[in-house]
Amino acid sequence: MTGIKDIPVKALDGSDTSLSDYPGPLLIVNVASKCGLTPQYATLEELAKNYGGKGLTVVGVPCNQFMGQEPGSAEEIAEFCSTTYGVTFPLLEKTDVNGDDRHPLYAALTEFPDADGQAGDIQWNFEKFLVSPDGEVLARFRPRTEPDAPEVIAAIEGALQ
């Protein structure tokens, strides 16, 4: 089995990038700019700042599959994230997380169950996956679980040890 970090991805600007460039754990989150959960960007940025020095990388994956809540171009997404939430963590190119055109990254991620044992499709924007330094999925948190919820923080801190 290929590790999550070995799956080819592209940066928001369309250039090739690799999740393996980030040696520590990853928190991969499908994001959107026009969603009721969009304020989670602020907390994700706090996590990136608070835990980045310890090795965590937050990775945002824009997706427009949920009621068209990420309609912008790459430039518009980058501008919104930077000016509205001061996002400094890496963003990948806009991609499908469900359906026939689901990106291979999400084909792998969605095989992992959440705390209730449910695997499968992404429910909505801001679903979170914690990935170990060696590319294995450690935890899945559904969209309404805040990025700073105790269970998320505990999982991140466990992955950093």
C-alpha atoms as a PDB file:
ATOM      1  CA  MET A   1       0.000   0.000   0.000  1.00  0.00           C
ATOM      2  CA  THR A   2       1.219   3.471  -0.873  1.00  0.00           C
ATOM      3  CA  GLY A   3       1.353   5.953   1.975  1.00  0.00           C
ATOM      4  CA  ILE A   4      -0.794   9.062   1.816  1.00  0.00           C
ATOM      5  CA  LYS A   5       2.325  11.212   1.477  1.00  0.00           C
ATOM      6  CA  ASP A   6       3.315   9.346  -1.714  1.00  0.00           C
ATOM      7  CA  ILE A   7       0.151  10.242  -3.658  1.00  0.00           C
ATOM      8  CA  PRO A   8       0.900  12.919  -6.295  1.00  0.00           C
ATOM      9  CA  VAL A   9      -0.741  16.279  -5.580  1.00  0.00           C
ATOM     10  CA  LYS A  10      -0.589  19.799  -6.966  1.00  0.00           C
ATOM     11  CA  ALA A  11      -0.266  23.069  -5.104  1.00  0.00           C
ATOM     12  CA  LEU A  12      -3.045  25.659  -5.389  1.00  0.00           C
ATOM     13  CA  ASP A  13      -1.124  27.381  -8.195  1.00  0.00           C
ATOM     14  CA  GLY A  14      -1.120  24.122 -10.208  1.00  0.00           C
ATOM     15  CA  SER A  15       2.541  23.312  -9.676  1.00  0.00           C
ATOM     16  CA  ASP A  16       3.618  19.824  -8.661  1.00  0.00           C
ATOM     17  CA  THR A  17       4.208  19.377  -4.945  1.00  0.00           C
ATOM     18  CA  SER A  18       4.547  16.466  -2.575  1.00  0.00           C
ATOM     19  CA  LEU A  19       3.087  15.807   0.848  1.00  0.00           C
ATOM     20  CA  SER A  20       6.312  13.958   1.608  1.00  0.00           C
ATOM     21  CA  ASP A  21       8.016  17.367   1.689  1.00  0.00           C
ATOM     22  CA  TYR A  22       6.445  17.728   5.146  1.00  0.00           C
ATOM     23  CA  PRO A  23       8.276  15.314   7.467  1.00  0.00           C
ATOM     24  CA  GLY A  24       5.881  15.500  10.427  1.00  0.00           C
ATOM     25  CA  PRO A  25       2.202  14.688  10.776  1.00  0.00           C
ATOM     26  CA  LEU A  26      -0.342  16.323   8.481  1.00  0.00           C
ATOM     27  CA  LEU A  27      -3.846  17.576   9.180  1.00  0.00           C
ATOM     28  CA  ILE A  28      -5.527  17.415   5.763  1.00  0.00           C
ATOM     29  CA  VAL A  29      -8.781  19.365   5.507  1.00  0.00           C
ATOM     30  CA  ASN A  30     -11.134  19.930   2.567  1.00  0.00           C
ATOM     31  CA  VAL A  31     -11.920  23.640   2.724  1.00  0.00           C
ATOM     32  CA  ALA A  32     -14.333  26.168   1.208  1.00  0.00           C
ATOM     33  CA  SER A  33     -14.569  29.961   1.290  1.00  0.00           C
ATOM     34  CA  LYS A  34     -18.350  30.381   1.363  1.00  0.00           C
ATOM     35  CA  CYS A  35     -19.455  27.824   3.940  1.00  0.00           C
ATOM     36  CA  GLY A  36     -20.952  28.228   7.393  1.00  0.00           C
ATOM     37  CA  LEU A  37     -17.898  26.343   8.655  1.00  0.00           C
ATOM     38  CA  THR A  38     -15.415  28.658   6.885  1.00  0.00           C
ATOM     39  CA  PRO A  39     -14.453  30.341  10.195  1.00  0.00           C
ATOM     40  CA  GLN A  40     -12.630  27.073  10.973  1.00  0.00           C
ATOM     41  CA  TYR A  41      -9.856  28.533   8.792  1.00  0.00           C
ATOM     42  CA  ALA A  42      -8.918  30.760  11.744  1.00  0.00           C
ATOM     43  CA  THR A  43      -8.560  27.806  14.096  1.00  0.00           C
ATOM     44  CA  LEU A  44      -6.684  25.781  11.490  1.00  0.00           C
ATOM     45  CA  GLU A  45      -4.228  28.671  11.164  1.00  0.00           C
ATOM     46  CA  GLU A  46      -3.845  28.739  14.965  1.00  0.00           C
ATOM     47  CA  LEU A  47      -3.033  25.010  14.900  1.00  0.00           C
ATOM     48  CA  ALA A  48      -0.524  25.585  12.106  1.00  0.00           C
ATOM     49  CA  LYS A  49       1.189  28.310  14.145  1.00  0.00           C
ATOM     50  CA  ASN A  50       0.999  26.550  17.529  1.00  0.00           C
ATOM     51  CA  TYR A  51       2.114  23.118  16.340  1.00  0.00           C
ATOM     52  CA  GLY A  52       4.091  23.923  13.182  1.00  0.00           C
ATOM     53  CA  GLY A  53       7.313  24.312  15.121  1.00  0.00           C
ATOM     54  CA  LYS A  54       6.752  20.836  16.551  1.00  0.00           C
ATOM     55  CA  GLY A  55       6.305  19.305  13.087  1.00  0.00           C
ATOM     56  CA  LEU A  56       2.575  19.515  12.231  1.00  0.00           C
ATOM     57  CA  THR A  57       1.576  20.769   8.802  1.00  0.00           C
ATOM     58  CA  VAL A  58      -2.027  21.750   8.125  1.00  0.00           C
ATOM     59  CA  VAL A  59      -2.906  21.180   4.456  1.00  0.00           C
ATOM     60  CA  GLY A  60      -6.024  22.757   2.952  1.00  0.00           C
ATOM     61  CA  VAL A  61      -7.720  21.158  -0.037  1.00  0.00           C
ATOM     62  CA  PRO A  62     -10.284  23.488  -1.630  1.00  0.00           C
ATOM     63  CA  CYS A  63     -13.374  21.692  -2.913  1.00  0.00           C
ATOM     64  CA  ASN A  64     -16.469  23.011  -4.694  1.00  0.00           C
ATOM     65  CA  GLN A  65     -18.607  19.861  -4.391  1.00  0.00           C
ATOM     66  CA  PHE A  66     -20.804  21.022  -1.522  1.00  0.00           C
ATOM     67  CA  MET A  67     -23.420  23.499  -2.783  1.00  0.00           C
ATOM     68  CA  GLY A  68     -20.776  25.351  -4.824  1.00  0.00           C
ATOM     69  CA  GLN A  69     -19.216  26.863  -1.704  1.00  0.00           C
ATOM     70  CA  GLU A  70     -15.728  27.154  -3.237  1.00  0.00           C
ATOM     71  CA  PRO A  71     -16.450  28.775  -6.622  1.00  0.00           C
ATOM     72  CA  GLY A  72     -13.309  30.890  -6.921  1.00  0.00           C
ATOM     73  CA  SER A  73     -10.216  30.544  -9.044  1.00  0.00           C
ATOM     74  CA  ALA A  74      -6.915  29.550  -7.467  1.00  0.00           C
ATOM     75  CA  GLU A  75      -5.979  33.227  -7.243  1.00  0.00           C
ATOM     76  CA  GLU A  76      -9.295  34.157  -5.614  1.00  0.00           C
ATOM     77  CA  ILE A  77      -8.992  31.301  -3.091  1.00  0.00           C
ATOM     78  CA  ALA A  78      -5.428  32.312  -2.197  1.00  0.00           C
ATOM     79  CA  GLU A  79      -6.423  35.962  -1.819  1.00  0.00           C
ATOM     80  CA  PHE A  80      -9.460  35.132   0.341  1.00  0.00           C
ATOM     81  CA  CYS A  81      -7.503  32.807   2.633  1.00  0.00           C
ATOM     82  CA  SER A  82      -4.632  35.246   3.019  1.00  0.00           C
ATOM     83  CA  THR A  83      -6.595  38.451   3.558  1.00  0.00           C
ATOM     84  CA  THR A  84      -9.568  37.073   5.515  1.00  0.00           C
ATOM     85  CA  TYR A  85      -7.888  34.489   7.752  1.00  0.00           C
ATOM     86  CA  GLY A  86      -4.154  35.116   7.374  1.00  0.00           C
ATOM     87  CA  VAL A  87      -3.668  31.550   6.169  1.00  0.00           C
ATOM     88  CA  THR A  88      -0.016  30.579   5.874  1.00  0.00           C
ATOM     89  CA  PHE A  89      -0.406  26.794   5.651  1.00  0.00           C
ATOM     90  CA  PRO A  90      -0.172  25.098   2.244  1.00  0.00           C
ATOM     91  CA  LEU A  91      -3.219  24.839   0.017  1.00  0.00           C
ATOM     92  CA  LEU A  92      -3.555  22.247  -2.720  1.00  0.00           C
ATOM     93  CA  GLU A  93      -5.385  22.777  -5.978  1.00  0.00           C
ATOM     94  CA  LYS A  94      -9.178  22.651  -5.955  1.00  0.00           C
ATOM     95  CA  THR A  95     -10.220  19.033  -6.263  1.00  0.00           C
ATOM     96  CA  ASP A  96     -13.095  16.578  -5.989  1.00  0.00           C
ATOM     97  CA  VAL A  97     -13.238  14.651  -2.730  1.00  0.00           C
ATOM     98  CA  ASN A  98     -16.252  12.466  -3.642  1.00  0.00           C
ATOM     99  CA  GLY A  99     -17.660  10.827  -6.746  1.00  0.00           C
ATOM    100  CA  ASP A 100     -16.233   9.427  -9.961  1.00  0.00           C
ATOM    101  CA  ASP A 101     -13.595  12.160 -10.229  1.00  0.00           C
ATOM    102  CA  ARG A 102     -12.476  11.854  -6.586  1.00  0.00           C
ATOM    103  CA  HIS A 103      -8.775  12.658  -6.286  1.00  0.00           C
ATOM    104  CA  PRO A 104      -6.599   9.610  -5.424  1.00  0.00           C
ATOM    105  CA  LEU A 105      -5.662  11.356  -2.164  1.00  0.00           C
ATOM    106  CA  TYR A 106      -9.309  11.306  -1.103  1.00  0.00           C
ATOM    107  CA  ALA A 107      -9.867   7.805  -2.474  1.00  0.00           C
ATOM    108  CA  ALA A 108      -7.282   6.714   0.100  1.00  0.00           C
ATOM    109  CA  LEU A 109      -8.355   9.019   2.935  1.00  0.00           C
ATOM    110  CA  THR A 110     -12.039   8.091   2.761  1.00  0.00           C
ATOM    111  CA  GLU A 111     -11.241   4.425   3.369  1.00  0.00           C
ATOM    112  CA  PHE A 112     -10.424   5.386   6.974  1.00  0.00           C
ATOM    113  CA  PRO A 113     -13.339   5.379   9.442  1.00  0.00           C
ATOM    114  CA  ASP A 114     -14.266   8.140  11.860  1.00  0.00           C
ATOM    115  CA  ALA A 115     -14.672   7.607  15.626  1.00  0.00           C
ATOM    116  CA  ASP A 116     -18.075   5.978  15.008  1.00  0.00           C
ATOM    117  CA  GLY A 117     -16.566   3.463  12.578  1.00  0.00           C
ATOM    118  CA  GLN A 118     -17.998   5.135   9.476  1.00  0.00           C
ATOM    119  CA  ALA A 119     -15.751   5.300   6.406  1.00  0.00           C
ATOM    120  CA  GLY A 120     -16.743   6.487   2.942  1.00  0.00           C
ATOM    121  CA  ASP A 121     -17.655   9.812   1.401  1.00  0.00           C
ATOM    122  CA  ILE A 122     -16.730  13.180   2.802  1.00  0.00           C
ATOM    123  CA  GLN A 123     -19.848  14.590   4.483  1.00  0.00           C
ATOM    124  CA  TRP A 124     -19.203  18.318   3.943  1.00  0.00           C
ATOM    125  CA  ASN A 125     -16.524  20.989   3.896  1.00  0.00           C
ATOM    126  CA  PHE A 126     -13.908  20.923   6.672  1.00  0.00           C
ATOM    127  CA  GLU A 127     -13.633  17.176   7.216  1.00  0.00           C
ATOM    128  CA  LYS A 128     -10.236  16.537   8.792  1.00  0.00           C
ATOM    129  CA  PHE A 129      -7.728  13.680   8.512  1.00  0.00           C
ATOM    130  CA  LEU A 130      -4.669  13.342  10.701  1.00  0.00           C
ATOM    131  CA  VAL A 131      -1.837  11.564   8.880  1.00  0.00           C
ATOM    132  CA  SER A 132       1.289  10.203  10.586  1.00  0.00           C
ATOM    133  CA  PRO A 133       4.812  11.207   9.560  1.00  0.00           C
ATOM    134  CA  ASP A 134       5.076   7.915   7.640  1.00  0.00           C
ATOM    135  CA  GLY A 135       1.857   8.527   5.677  1.00  0.00           C
ATOM    136  CA  GLU A 136      -0.676   6.399   7.558  1.00  0.00           C
ATOM    137  CA  VAL A 137      -4.092   7.830   8.458  1.00  0.00           C
ATOM    138  CA  LEU A 138      -4.389   8.102  12.240  1.00  0.00           C
ATOM    139  CA  ALA A 139      -7.758   9.782  12.739  1.00  0.00           C
ATOM    140  CA  ARG A 140     -10.750  11.216  10.913  1.00  0.00           C
ATOM    141  CA  PHE A 141     -12.837  14.065  12.244  1.00  0.00           C
ATOM    142  CA  ARG A 142     -16.138  15.077  10.700  1.00  0.00           C
ATOM    143  CA  PRO A 143     -16.825  18.659   9.548  1.00  0.00           C
ATOM    144  CA  ARG A 144     -18.565  19.957  12.669  1.00  0.00           C
ATOM    145  CA  THR A 145     -15.703  18.825  14.911  1.00  0.00           C
ATOM    146  CA  GLU A 146     -13.803  22.034  15.566  1.00  0.00           C
ATOM    147  CA  PRO A 147     -10.073  21.926  14.745  1.00  0.00           C
ATOM    148  CA  ASP A 148      -9.270  22.694  18.387  1.00  0.00           C
ATOM    149  CA  ALA A 149     -11.685  20.137  19.881  1.00  0.00           C
ATOM    150  CA  PRO A 150     -10.062  18.125  22.685  1.00  0.00           C
ATOM    151  CA  GLU A 151     -10.060  14.918  20.645  1.00  0.00           C
ATOM    152  CA  VAL A 152      -8.323  16.645  17.716  1.00  0.00           C
ATOM    153  CA  ILE A 153      -5.701  18.250  19.965  1.00  0.00           C
ATOM    154  CA  ALA A 154      -5.082  14.924  21.741  1.00  0.00           C
ATOM    155  CA  ALA A 155      -4.619  13.144  18.392  1.00  0.00           C
ATOM    156  CA  ILE A 156      -2.254  15.844  17.092  1.00  0.00           C
ATOM    157  CA  GLU A 157      -0.185  15.802  20.265  1.00  0.00           C
ATOM    158  CA  GLY A 158      -0.054  11.994  20.125  1.00  0.00           C
ATOM    159  CA  ALA A 159       1.158  12.118  16.520  1.00  0.00           C
ATOM    160  CA  LEU A 160       3.890  14.598  17.442  1.00  0.00           C
ATOM    161  CA  GLN A 161       5.467  12.296  20.048  1.00  0.00           C
END
